[in-house]
Structure formats: C-alpha cells, structure tokens
Amino acid sequence: MESQIWRVQQESCKNIGDYNSTYINYHPLSAYDFGEDDLPQEFSHDLLPEYSQYTYPAYLNTESASELACPKFVGESSSTSKHPVFAIKWMQHGRKLITGHTNGEIHVWNGVTLNFDTVNSLHEDGIKVMKWAKDHEWLITADKKGCIHYWTTDLNTIAKHQAHTSQVRDLDFSSSYGKFASCSDDRIVKIFDFGTFKPELQFEGHRSDVKTCAWHPYESMIVSAGRDSEIKFWDPKSGKEVYTIQSHYNAINKVRWNKNGNWLLSGSKDTSIKIYDVRVMKDFRTFQAHEDEINALEWHPDCEELFVSGGGDGMVVFWMANEDEAYYKIDKAHYGACWDLAWHPMGNCLATAGNDTFLQLWARPKPGEGLEDPKIRLDERVAEMNQAKPAGMYGGSKLFADKSYISHKKAQSLAKSKENIQRGSKRM
C-alpha cells in the first residue's frame, strides 16, 4: 500500500519553484546586527538541498548581477484552449500568472505549480497586450479589434472602450498612473485619461504601423516605434514631436525604458537589440544573438544592467548592458515565436509565453548546477504531441519533430499533391 501511495505521489508531483523561502528566512536574519563574517553567504556552496534558505533575495544581489539571470527550467503548462499566448503578466504579490490568448481568453494560473485556475473570455478577438496600473489595482487589456477593457484585481471587467480602428499593439502608463498611452496599426499614438477614458492627445507622425510605445518612468516623455524603423520622442504636454532616431534597418517591435530613465532599449525585426543614451540621443551598444525578429524585451526589476529578450526563433537570451556578448542563451525555450516575458516582482524567476501555446517558468540555478538542455525536453514534447494529436490542433497547426510549424492547409495541399503524383504515375 505504501509503495502504491509513493508511486502516485511521484507521478503526480510537479516541478515547482518556491521563490518565497529566501524572503522568509532573510527577514529574521536581518532583524539582528550580524557582522559581515557571520552573515550567510549569497549562495551556499556545499550544494545541500536546503541551499535556498541561505540564498539572498534578488534585490540584495544587484552588485553581482550575473547571479540574477534565470536560465534554469522549472516547469511549463499548456494553454487549455490550445491557442498561442500573446501576453503574460504576474498578478499582485506574484502568487498567480495571467495570460492573454489569440482567441480572446484570459487564463489565470498558479504562479508556483503552474496549475490552471480560471478563465475569462470577454474579448471578441486575440489579446495583444496587458498592463497593470499602480500597485496592481487595475488591469487594462487590448485586442486586435482596437478595444480596451478595464479589469479589477479579481478579473471582473468594469468597462470596455473602442480606442483604435485597428489592433492595439502596446500600452503604457504615465508615472502618476492617471494617464496611459496606446499605439496601433492605424499609425496613431493616443493618450487617454485613465479615469474617464477621454482621449486627450494623439500623435500622427509615423508613416506606418506603430508597434510599441513606452512612457518615461518619471519625465513627461513618450517614445514610440514601428514598422517605419523610426523611434520618435513625444512631449505629452504640447503634443509635439521632440526627436527622431533611425538606427535599425527594419521594423521595431519593442522599446523599453530602464528605471534609471537614461537608457532606452529597442528590439527590431532585423534581429538586433540596441541601447540608447537619451541624454545624447545615440545608441552606445548593439546586441546580436537572435536568428529571427525580437518580439519581447524586459529589464530586470532590481538590477538596472540586466535584461532579457525573446525572439521569433523561440530563443530567450539574458544580457548585461555593459557587455557585448550574451550572458546566457536558451536556444529553444519555445517552439515557434516567444511572444512575451515577465519577471516576477521579486526578480528571481521569469515567465515566458509563446506561439506553441505553452507558458514556462525559469529560475536561478544552484551554484555549479548543470542546466537541462531545452532541446531534449522540447523534442520529447513534440514527439508526444505528434503521436497524440491530429493535424489542425495547436492554433491550426501541427508540431513536427523537424522543429518547424507547418499549417494544416499546407499539410493538406502537400498530401493532395502527393496523391496527384501517385495517380499520374499509376496512369502512366
């Protein structure tokens, strides 16, 4: 009987990453006046299973930024609707995750075990972006039809507005959280009052789709970029364009401000990432590791030099702003594009979402711990999918073991062409 219980427990056990143990153990220690030699090490180098209780929280490790990267695979869960995940965010206190899908659904997940919790489906089309307002009190989401929804912390919708005539690509709040900016494929950047949802200003300087926008962390400045490969700086008070930078050779998919307010990060379809110093309006470093377009960029919440990128090649890369080479590359974090990234509020784990309908959790490894090769894990997942599911699943496509997505229609056309060839050879 005991062996049967043990077997069931082993089969049902799920790899989890509990990121709270370091804080629970740190607070009692910080209440005492320890000398430098008496304090626990940043990592316990004896590699005992209880190493985590001696690990410093992420915000205390900012001087050794390389230890804050999260390349260790912890767990994954697949979307129950089998639709690609475009947006991912941590909920208040980091205990749950929310994901936005191409069918307009919002899924809620347990942030530790990645078990599915609840679902909301009020959007009529795919959700492209989600943003939390101040202190995670309000959530706004936008979809492909240009609609913006307001949500409470328990994910009850309270308002719906038509913001743009085309799909909304990005959203960002001002430092006071009283206003927010949105950009769309209609080539317009708009500023709305958050309380009344009245449009106050709109900027129409872009020559094509506007794919991303970001509000300065503490100044009155908005930056936007898009398909015309231009980064434009706007003054939200006067409504005028301040400056334009053009350093990429293709569409710019993402821009993100650093919390210091001096650095701006941009990721492009030309597979490059650039950092600009806005005090001189010039880029001072270019990063190149992805084989496809850059879809997602996020700065670490505590360390101003560390950031992570996700691309159309499914790769997730950790970078240091003062180094040209990538700190760590996860070659196949997702099959297909990686659409969004979200650091945990505590900064010691990372959630990723992709076109393969999976959301994944990554954490800091033990000192000296060998990391799992994601290619092996994903090859096993592909084999299981192809064996268990027919063509047409997973958002209208089937996953093949040759690491490529072939649409169901294309697979049918290939099958028909083979049949025609066989018939012709029989006739001859």
Protein backbone atom coordinates (compact mmCIF):
# COMPACT_ATOMS: atom_id res chain seq x y z
CA MET A 1 0.00 0.00 0.00
CA GLU A 2 2.79 2.42 0.92
CA SER A 3 4.58 1.67 -2.35
CA GLN A 4 1.40 2.45 -4.30
CA ILE A 5 0.96 5.77 -2.49
CA TRP A 6 4.60 6.63 -3.15
CA ARG A 7 4.19 5.81 -6.84
CA VAL A 8 1.08 8.01 -7.14
CA GLN A 9 2.86 10.85 -5.38
CA GLN A 10 5.82 10.55 -7.73
CA GLU A 11 3.60 10.52 -10.81
CA SER A 12 1.50 13.49 -9.66
CA CYS A 13 4.46 15.50 -8.37
CA LYS A 14 5.19 18.62 -10.40
CA ASN A 15 8.44 20.53 -10.51
CA ILE A 16 7.87 23.78 -8.64
CA GLY A 17 9.96 26.79 -7.81
CA ASP A 18 9.03 28.34 -4.47
CA TYR A 19 10.62 31.76 -4.56
CA ASN A 20 9.46 32.81 -1.09
CA SER A 21 11.82 30.78 1.09
CA THR A 22 14.65 33.29 0.69
CA TYR A 23 12.50 36.15 1.96
CA ILE A 24 11.01 34.19 4.84
CA ASN A 25 14.49 33.25 6.07
CA TYR A 26 16.08 36.60 5.30
CA HIS A 27 13.76 38.75 7.41
CA PRO A 28 14.54 37.05 10.77
CA LEU A 29 18.27 37.29 9.98
CA SER A 30 18.04 40.96 9.03
CA ALA A 31 16.49 41.77 12.41
CA TYR A 32 19.83 41.11 14.13
CA ASP A 33 23.07 43.01 13.94
CA PHE A 34 25.35 40.44 12.31
CA GLY A 35 28.94 41.06 11.40
CA GLU A 36 30.00 40.60 7.79
CA ASP A 37 31.66 37.26 8.59
CA ASP A 38 28.62 35.96 10.44
CA LEU A 39 26.03 36.63 7.73
CA PRO A 40 25.09 33.71 5.43
CA GLN A 41 26.81 33.56 2.06
CA GLU A 42 24.96 34.76 -1.03
CA PHE A 43 24.89 31.11 -2.06
CA SER A 44 25.51 28.01 -0.01
CA HIS A 45 28.42 26.38 -1.82
CA ASP A 46 28.02 22.99 -0.13
CA LEU A 47 25.17 22.29 -2.61
CA LEU A 48 22.90 20.85 0.06
CA PRO A 49 19.18 20.56 -0.80
CA GLU A 50 18.39 23.32 1.69
CA TYR A 51 20.65 25.78 -0.17
CA SER A 52 17.72 28.09 -0.89
CA GLN A 53 17.31 29.15 2.71
CA TYR A 54 20.77 30.74 2.54
CA THR A 55 20.25 32.47 -0.79
CA TYR A 56 19.88 36.23 -0.66
CA PRO A 57 16.78 37.78 -2.24
CA ALA A 58 17.27 39.15 -5.74
CA TYR A 59 17.12 42.82 -4.77
CA LEU A 60 20.12 42.35 -2.44
CA ASN A 61 22.19 40.74 -5.20
CA THR A 62 22.29 43.66 -7.63
CA GLU A 63 26.07 44.05 -7.35
CA SER A 64 26.58 40.52 -8.71
CA ALA A 65 24.04 40.88 -11.50
CA SER A 66 25.11 37.71 -13.30
CA GLU A 67 23.59 35.68 -10.45
CA LEU A 68 20.16 37.16 -11.15
CA ALA A 69 19.69 35.56 -14.57
CA CYS A 70 17.12 32.74 -14.63
CA PRO A 71 18.19 30.08 -17.15
CA LYS A 72 17.07 27.08 -15.08
CA PHE A 73 13.88 25.43 -16.37
CA VAL A 74 11.35 24.96 -13.57
CA GLY A 75 8.06 23.99 -15.20
CA GLU A 76 5.59 24.53 -18.01
CA SER A 77 1.87 24.32 -18.72
CA SER A 78 -0.06 24.30 -21.95
CA SER A 79 -2.98 26.52 -22.75
CA THR A 80 -6.21 24.58 -22.27
CA SER A 81 -7.69 26.25 -25.34
CA LYS A 82 -4.63 25.30 -27.45
CA HIS A 83 -4.23 28.87 -28.70
CA PRO A 84 -0.94 30.78 -28.78
CA VAL A 85 -0.17 33.03 -25.81
CA PHE A 86 0.50 36.66 -26.80
CA ALA A 87 0.70 38.33 -23.37
CA ILE A 88 1.73 37.27 -19.87
CA LYS A 89 1.75 39.13 -16.55
CA TRP A 90 2.20 38.36 -12.86
CA MET A 91 -0.72 39.21 -10.60
CA GLN A 92 -0.47 41.13 -7.35
CA HIS A 93 2.14 39.71 -4.93
CA GLY A 94 3.34 37.30 -7.62
CA ARG A 95 1.27 34.34 -6.49
CA LYS A 96 -0.57 33.93 -9.80
CA LEU A 97 0.04 34.40 -13.52
CA ILE A 98 -2.38 35.68 -16.14
CA THR A 99 -2.07 35.02 -19.87
CA GLY A 100 -3.83 36.55 -22.88
CA HIS A 101 -4.56 34.31 -25.87
CA THR A 102 -5.33 34.67 -29.56
CA ASN A 103 -8.95 33.58 -29.03
CA GLY A 104 -9.61 36.47 -26.62
CA GLU A 105 -9.44 34.45 -23.40
CA ILE A 106 -7.59 35.42 -20.21
CA HIS A 107 -6.32 32.43 -18.22
CA VAL A 108 -5.24 32.50 -14.57
CA TRP A 109 -2.51 30.13 -13.35
CA ASN A 110 -0.95 29.23 -10.04
CA GLY A 111 2.41 31.02 -10.02
CA VAL A 112 4.23 28.21 -8.20
CA THR A 113 2.93 24.98 -9.72
CA LEU A 114 1.56 26.47 -13.00
CA ASN A 115 -1.75 24.70 -12.49
CA PHE A 116 -4.71 26.16 -14.40
CA ASP A 117 -7.11 28.18 -12.21
CA THR A 118 -9.83 30.15 -14.04
CA VAL A 119 -10.67 31.62 -17.44
CA ASN A 120 -12.33 34.87 -18.62
CA SER A 121 -13.49 35.36 -22.20
CA LEU A 122 -14.92 38.83 -22.83
CA HIS A 123 -12.64 39.93 -25.66
CA GLU A 124 -14.02 39.25 -29.12
CA ASP A 125 -10.58 38.83 -30.67
CA GLY A 126 -7.00 37.99 -29.74
CA ILE A 127 -5.45 39.82 -26.78
CA LYS A 128 -2.26 41.61 -27.80
CA VAL A 129 -1.16 43.39 -24.63
CA MET A 130 -1.89 43.62 -20.88
CA LYS A 131 -0.74 46.27 -18.39
CA TRP A 132 -1.18 46.73 -14.64
CA ALA A 133 -1.91 50.16 -13.20
CA LYS A 134 -0.41 51.46 -9.96
CA ASP A 135 0.07 48.83 -7.22
CA HIS A 136 -1.70 46.23 -9.38
CA GLU A 137 -5.10 47.74 -8.54
CA TRP A 138 -6.35 47.82 -12.14
CA LEU A 139 -5.57 45.86 -15.27
CA ILE A 140 -6.11 47.05 -18.83
CA THR A 141 -6.07 44.72 -21.84
CA ALA A 142 -6.28 45.42 -25.56
CA ASP A 143 -7.16 43.23 -28.53
CA LYS A 144 -6.90 43.01 -32.30
CA LYS A 145 -10.13 44.94 -32.85
CA GLY A 146 -8.79 48.02 -31.07
CA CYS A 147 -10.88 47.53 -27.90
CA ILE A 148 -9.52 48.21 -24.41
CA HIS A 149 -11.01 46.55 -21.31
CA TYR A 150 -10.67 47.62 -17.66
CA TRP A 151 -10.39 44.84 -15.05
CA THR A 152 -10.31 44.69 -11.26
CA THR A 153 -7.75 42.61 -9.35
CA ASP A 154 -10.16 39.66 -9.23
CA LEU A 155 -10.53 39.96 -13.04
CA ASN A 156 -14.05 41.35 -13.19
CA THR A 157 -14.43 43.67 -16.16
CA ILE A 158 -15.87 47.11 -15.40
CA ALA A 159 -15.54 48.97 -18.72
CA LYS A 160 -14.97 48.48 -22.42
CA HIS A 161 -13.91 51.17 -24.88
CA GLN A 162 -13.13 51.36 -28.59
CA ALA A 163 -9.72 53.03 -28.59
CA HIS A 164 -8.43 52.46 -32.14
CA THR A 165 -9.73 51.40 -35.53
CA SER A 166 -7.10 48.66 -35.80
CA GLN A 167 -5.36 46.27 -33.40
CA VAL A 168 -3.68 47.79 -30.36
CA ARG A 169 -0.01 46.84 -30.21
CA ASP A 170 1.18 48.30 -26.91
CA LEU A 171 0.13 50.20 -23.78
CA ASP A 172 1.96 52.06 -21.04
CA PHE A 173 1.07 54.20 -18.03
CA SER A 174 2.46 57.56 -17.00
CA SER A 175 4.46 57.82 -13.78
CA SER A 176 1.37 59.14 -11.96
CA TYR A 177 -0.83 56.37 -13.45
CA GLY A 178 -3.50 58.96 -14.19
CA LYS A 179 -3.00 58.64 -17.95
CA PHE A 180 -1.89 55.94 -20.36
CA ALA A 181 -0.66 55.79 -23.94
CA SER A 182 -1.67 53.30 -26.61
CA CYS A 183 -0.41 52.62 -30.12
CA SER A 184 -1.97 50.78 -33.02
CA ASP A 185 -1.68 49.64 -36.61
CA ASP A 186 -3.71 52.74 -37.53
CA ARG A 187 -0.36 54.66 -37.27
CA ILE A 188 -1.59 56.69 -34.26
CA VAL A 189 -0.33 57.03 -30.69
CA LYS A 190 -3.07 58.20 -28.30
CA ILE A 191 -3.11 59.47 -24.73
CA PHE A 192 -6.17 58.67 -22.59
CA ASP A 193 -7.27 59.80 -19.16
CA PHE A 194 -7.46 56.60 -17.13
CA GLY A 195 -10.45 57.66 -15.04
CA THR A 196 -12.73 58.97 -17.79
CA PHE A 197 -11.14 57.25 -20.82
CA LYS A 198 -11.34 60.50 -22.74
CA PRO A 199 -8.68 60.87 -25.47
CA GLU A 200 -6.54 63.91 -24.70
CA LEU A 201 -3.89 63.84 -27.44
CA GLN A 202 -2.89 61.83 -30.45
CA PHE A 203 0.40 61.73 -32.36
CA GLU A 204 0.36 61.01 -36.09
CA GLY A 205 3.98 61.29 -37.15
CA HIS A 206 4.63 57.65 -38.06
CA ARG A 207 4.48 56.58 -41.71
CA SER A 208 3.33 53.03 -40.96
CA ASP A 209 2.06 50.72 -38.18
CA VAL A 210 3.10 51.74 -34.66
CA LYS A 211 4.12 48.55 -32.88
CA THR A 212 5.31 49.75 -29.48
CA CYS A 213 5.24 52.70 -27.09
CA ALA A 214 6.65 53.44 -23.64
CA TRP A 215 6.18 56.29 -21.16
CA HIS A 216 9.29 57.64 -19.41
CA PRO A 217 9.50 56.34 -15.81
CA TYR A 218 9.44 59.82 -14.26
CA GLU A 219 9.59 62.50 -17.00
CA SER A 220 6.91 63.87 -19.33
CA MET A 221 8.08 61.97 -22.41
CA ILE A 222 6.67 59.20 -24.58
CA VAL A 223 8.63 57.13 -27.05
CA SER A 224 7.09 55.13 -29.91
CA ALA A 225 8.40 52.98 -32.75
CA GLY A 226 7.05 50.81 -35.51
CA ARG A 227 7.22 49.49 -38.99
CA ASP A 228 8.92 52.60 -40.40
CA SER A 229 12.03 51.72 -38.26
CA GLU A 230 11.91 55.12 -36.57
CA ILE A 231 11.97 55.83 -32.83
CA LYS A 232 10.06 59.02 -32.08
CA PHE A 233 10.08 61.04 -28.86
CA TRP A 234 6.92 62.97 -28.00
CA ASP A 235 6.05 65.67 -25.48
CA PRO A 236 2.64 64.72 -23.98
CA LYS A 237 2.11 68.26 -22.71
CA SER A 238 2.48 70.10 -26.01
CA GLY A 239 1.60 67.18 -28.27
CA LYS A 240 4.65 67.80 -30.44
CA GLU A 241 7.40 65.52 -31.71
CA VAL A 242 10.71 66.21 -29.94
CA TYR A 243 13.24 63.98 -31.69
CA THR A 244 13.55 61.04 -34.10
CA ILE A 245 16.18 58.29 -34.17
CA GLN A 246 16.62 55.86 -37.03
CA SER A 247 19.29 53.24 -36.41
CA HIS A 248 17.54 49.94 -37.19
CA TYR A 249 17.17 48.58 -40.72
CA ASN A 250 13.74 47.04 -40.26
CA ALA A 251 10.57 47.33 -38.18
CA ILE A 252 10.99 47.96 -34.45
CA ASN A 253 8.80 45.63 -32.40
CA LYS A 254 9.60 46.71 -28.84
CA VAL A 255 11.00 49.64 -26.86
CA ARG A 256 11.50 49.67 -23.08
CA TRP A 257 12.80 52.33 -20.68
CA ASN A 258 15.30 51.46 -17.99
CA LYS A 259 14.26 52.52 -14.49
CA ASN A 260 17.21 54.95 -14.39
CA GLY A 261 15.44 56.99 -17.10
CA ASN A 262 18.63 57.41 -19.17
CA TRP A 263 18.67 54.17 -21.17
CA LEU A 264 16.21 53.10 -23.83
CA LEU A 265 16.15 49.56 -25.18
CA SER A 266 14.87 48.69 -28.67
CA GLY A 267 14.38 45.35 -30.44
CA SER A 268 13.86 45.04 -34.16
CA LYS A 269 12.87 42.72 -36.95
CA ASP A 270 16.48 42.98 -38.16
CA THR A 271 17.32 40.65 -35.18
CA SER A 272 19.36 43.31 -33.34
CA ILE A 273 18.89 44.99 -29.95
CA LYS A 274 20.20 48.48 -29.25
CA ILE A 275 20.62 50.61 -26.12
CA TYR A 276 20.38 54.39 -26.41
CA ASP A 277 21.54 57.06 -24.01
CA VAL A 278 18.76 59.64 -24.29
CA ARG A 279 21.00 62.33 -22.80
CA VAL A 280 22.92 62.37 -26.09
CA MET A 281 20.27 60.66 -28.26
CA LYS A 282 22.69 57.99 -29.55
CA ASP A 283 22.97 54.23 -29.27
CA PHE A 284 26.05 53.06 -27.40
CA ARG A 285 25.78 49.27 -27.73
CA THR A 286 24.29 46.75 -30.18
CA PHE A 287 23.46 43.16 -29.23
CA GLN A 288 23.20 40.33 -31.73
CA ALA A 289 22.33 36.72 -30.87
CA HIS A 290 18.84 36.01 -32.20
CA GLU A 291 18.25 34.42 -35.60
CA ASP A 292 14.80 35.97 -36.02
CA GLU A 293 12.97 39.17 -35.09
CA ILE A 294 12.88 40.46 -31.50
CA ASN A 295 9.38 40.21 -30.02
CA ALA A 296 9.88 40.88 -26.31
CA LEU A 297 12.25 42.86 -24.08
CA GLU A 298 12.17 43.32 -20.31
CA TRP A 299 14.58 44.94 -17.85
CA HIS A 300 15.17 43.21 -14.53
CA PRO A 301 13.05 44.88 -11.81
CA ASP A 302 16.01 45.34 -9.41
CA CYS A 303 19.24 45.26 -11.44
CA GLU A 304 19.43 48.10 -13.96
CA GLU A 305 22.08 46.37 -16.12
CA LEU A 306 20.32 43.03 -16.65
CA PHE A 307 17.63 42.48 -19.30
CA VAL A 308 16.13 39.57 -21.20
CA SER A 309 14.94 39.21 -24.79
CA GLY A 310 12.64 36.80 -26.62
CA GLY A 311 12.55 36.29 -30.38
CA GLY A 312 10.72 34.72 -33.26
CA ASP A 313 13.24 31.89 -33.16
CA GLY A 314 11.92 30.78 -29.76
CA MET A 315 15.17 31.81 -28.09
CA VAL A 316 15.36 33.55 -24.71
CA VAL A 317 18.59 35.46 -24.08
CA PHE A 318 19.92 37.14 -20.93
CA TRP A 319 22.08 40.24 -21.45
CA MET A 320 24.20 42.65 -19.45
CA ALA A 321 24.06 46.25 -20.65
CA ASN A 322 27.82 46.70 -20.24
CA GLU A 323 28.79 43.53 -22.17
CA ASP A 324 28.59 42.84 -25.89
CA GLU A 325 28.17 39.08 -25.63
CA ALA A 326 25.06 37.37 -24.26
CA TYR A 327 25.34 36.18 -20.67
CA TYR A 328 23.19 33.09 -21.31
CA LYS A 329 21.16 31.80 -24.26
CA ILE A 330 18.27 29.33 -24.09
CA ASP A 331 18.25 28.16 -27.70
CA LYS A 332 14.79 26.57 -27.83
CA ALA A 333 12.81 27.93 -24.93
CA HIS A 334 9.73 27.75 -27.19
CA TYR A 335 8.92 26.14 -30.49
CA GLY A 336 7.93 28.98 -32.73
CA ALA A 337 7.97 32.58 -31.55
CA CYS A 338 8.42 33.71 -27.96
CA TRP A 339 5.82 36.48 -27.66
CA ASP A 340 6.14 37.85 -24.14
CA LEU A 341 8.29 37.82 -20.99
CA ALA A 342 7.51 38.75 -17.38
CA TRP A 343 9.93 38.99 -14.46
CA HIS A 344 8.48 38.05 -11.10
CA PRO A 345 8.07 41.16 -8.87
CA MET A 346 10.76 39.74 -6.58
CA GLY A 347 13.11 39.39 -9.53
CA ASN A 348 14.22 35.79 -9.01
CA CYS A 349 12.17 33.96 -11.65
CA LEU A 350 10.98 34.61 -15.19
CA ALA A 351 7.79 33.60 -17.00
CA THR A 352 7.72 33.25 -20.80
CA ALA A 353 4.88 32.72 -23.29
CA GLY A 354 4.99 31.57 -26.89
CA ASN A 355 3.30 30.52 -30.07
CA ASP A 356 3.48 26.85 -29.01
CA THR A 357 0.60 27.52 -26.52
CA PHE A 358 2.94 26.96 -23.54
CA LEU A 359 3.85 29.23 -20.65
CA GLN A 360 7.10 28.39 -18.89
CA LEU A 361 8.81 29.28 -15.64
CA TRP A 362 12.57 29.82 -15.30
CA ALA A 363 14.54 30.37 -12.10
CA ARG A 364 18.03 30.93 -10.71
CA PRO A 365 20.12 27.74 -10.63
CA LYS A 366 22.13 26.37 -7.72
CA PRO A 367 25.84 27.22 -7.71
CA GLY A 368 27.60 24.78 -10.01
CA GLU A 369 24.35 23.13 -11.08
CA GLY A 370 24.19 21.76 -14.61
CA LEU A 371 21.30 23.11 -16.66
CA GLU A 372 18.89 20.99 -18.66
CA ASP A 373 19.15 21.26 -22.43
CA PRO A 374 15.73 22.60 -23.53
CA LYS A 375 16.10 20.94 -26.95
CA ILE A 376 15.86 17.48 -25.37
CA ARG A 377 12.75 18.41 -23.38
CA LEU A 378 11.02 20.04 -26.34
CA ASP A 379 11.87 17.18 -28.71
CA GLU A 380 10.13 14.82 -26.28
CA ARG A 381 7.13 17.16 -26.12
CA VAL A 382 6.96 17.33 -29.93
CA ALA A 383 7.00 13.54 -30.19
CA GLU A 384 4.14 13.26 -27.69
CA MET A 385 2.09 15.92 -29.50
CA ASN A 386 2.51 14.34 -32.91
CA GLN A 387 1.60 10.93 -31.55
CA ALA A 388 -1.43 12.05 -29.52
CA LYS A 389 -2.97 14.92 -31.51
CA PRO A 390 -4.18 15.09 -35.12
CA ALA A 391 -3.24 17.84 -37.55
CA GLY A 392 -5.14 21.04 -37.05
CA MET A 393 -4.57 21.32 -33.30
CA TYR A 394 -2.48 23.95 -31.51
CA GLY A 395 -3.91 27.02 -33.19
CA GLY A 396 -4.47 25.46 -36.62
CA SER A 397 -1.04 23.88 -36.97
CA LYS A 398 0.71 20.63 -36.21
CA LEU A 399 4.07 20.43 -34.50
CA PHE A 400 6.63 18.32 -36.33
CA ALA A 401 9.83 16.83 -34.96
CA ASP A 402 11.94 18.73 -37.52
CA LYS A 403 11.49 21.86 -35.34
CA SER A 404 9.12 23.65 -37.70
CA TYR A 405 5.45 24.61 -37.83
CA ILE A 406 3.52 23.53 -40.92
CA SER A 407 -0.01 24.86 -41.22
CA HIS A 408 -2.86 22.42 -41.58
CA LYS A 409 -3.83 23.83 -45.01
CA LYS A 410 -0.28 23.50 -46.27
CA ALA A 411 -0.11 19.92 -44.99
CA GLN A 412 -3.35 19.16 -46.83
CA SER A 413 -2.05 20.69 -50.04
CA LEU A 414 1.14 18.64 -49.77
CA ALA A 415 -0.90 15.48 -49.24
CA LYS A 416 -3.07 16.30 -52.28
CA SER A 417 -0.05 16.92 -54.47
CA LYS A 418 1.41 13.57 -53.42
CA GLU A 419 -1.88 11.84 -54.26
CA ASN A 420 -1.96 13.51 -57.69
CA ILE A 421 1.60 12.42 -58.41
CA GLN A 422 0.79 8.86 -57.38
CA ARG A 423 -2.32 8.81 -59.56
CA GLY A 424 -0.40 10.17 -62.51
CA SER A 425 2.33 7.56 -62.13
CA LYS A 426 -0.28 4.79 -61.98
CA ARG A 427 -1.91 6.03 -65.19
CA MET A 428 1.42 6.13 -66.96
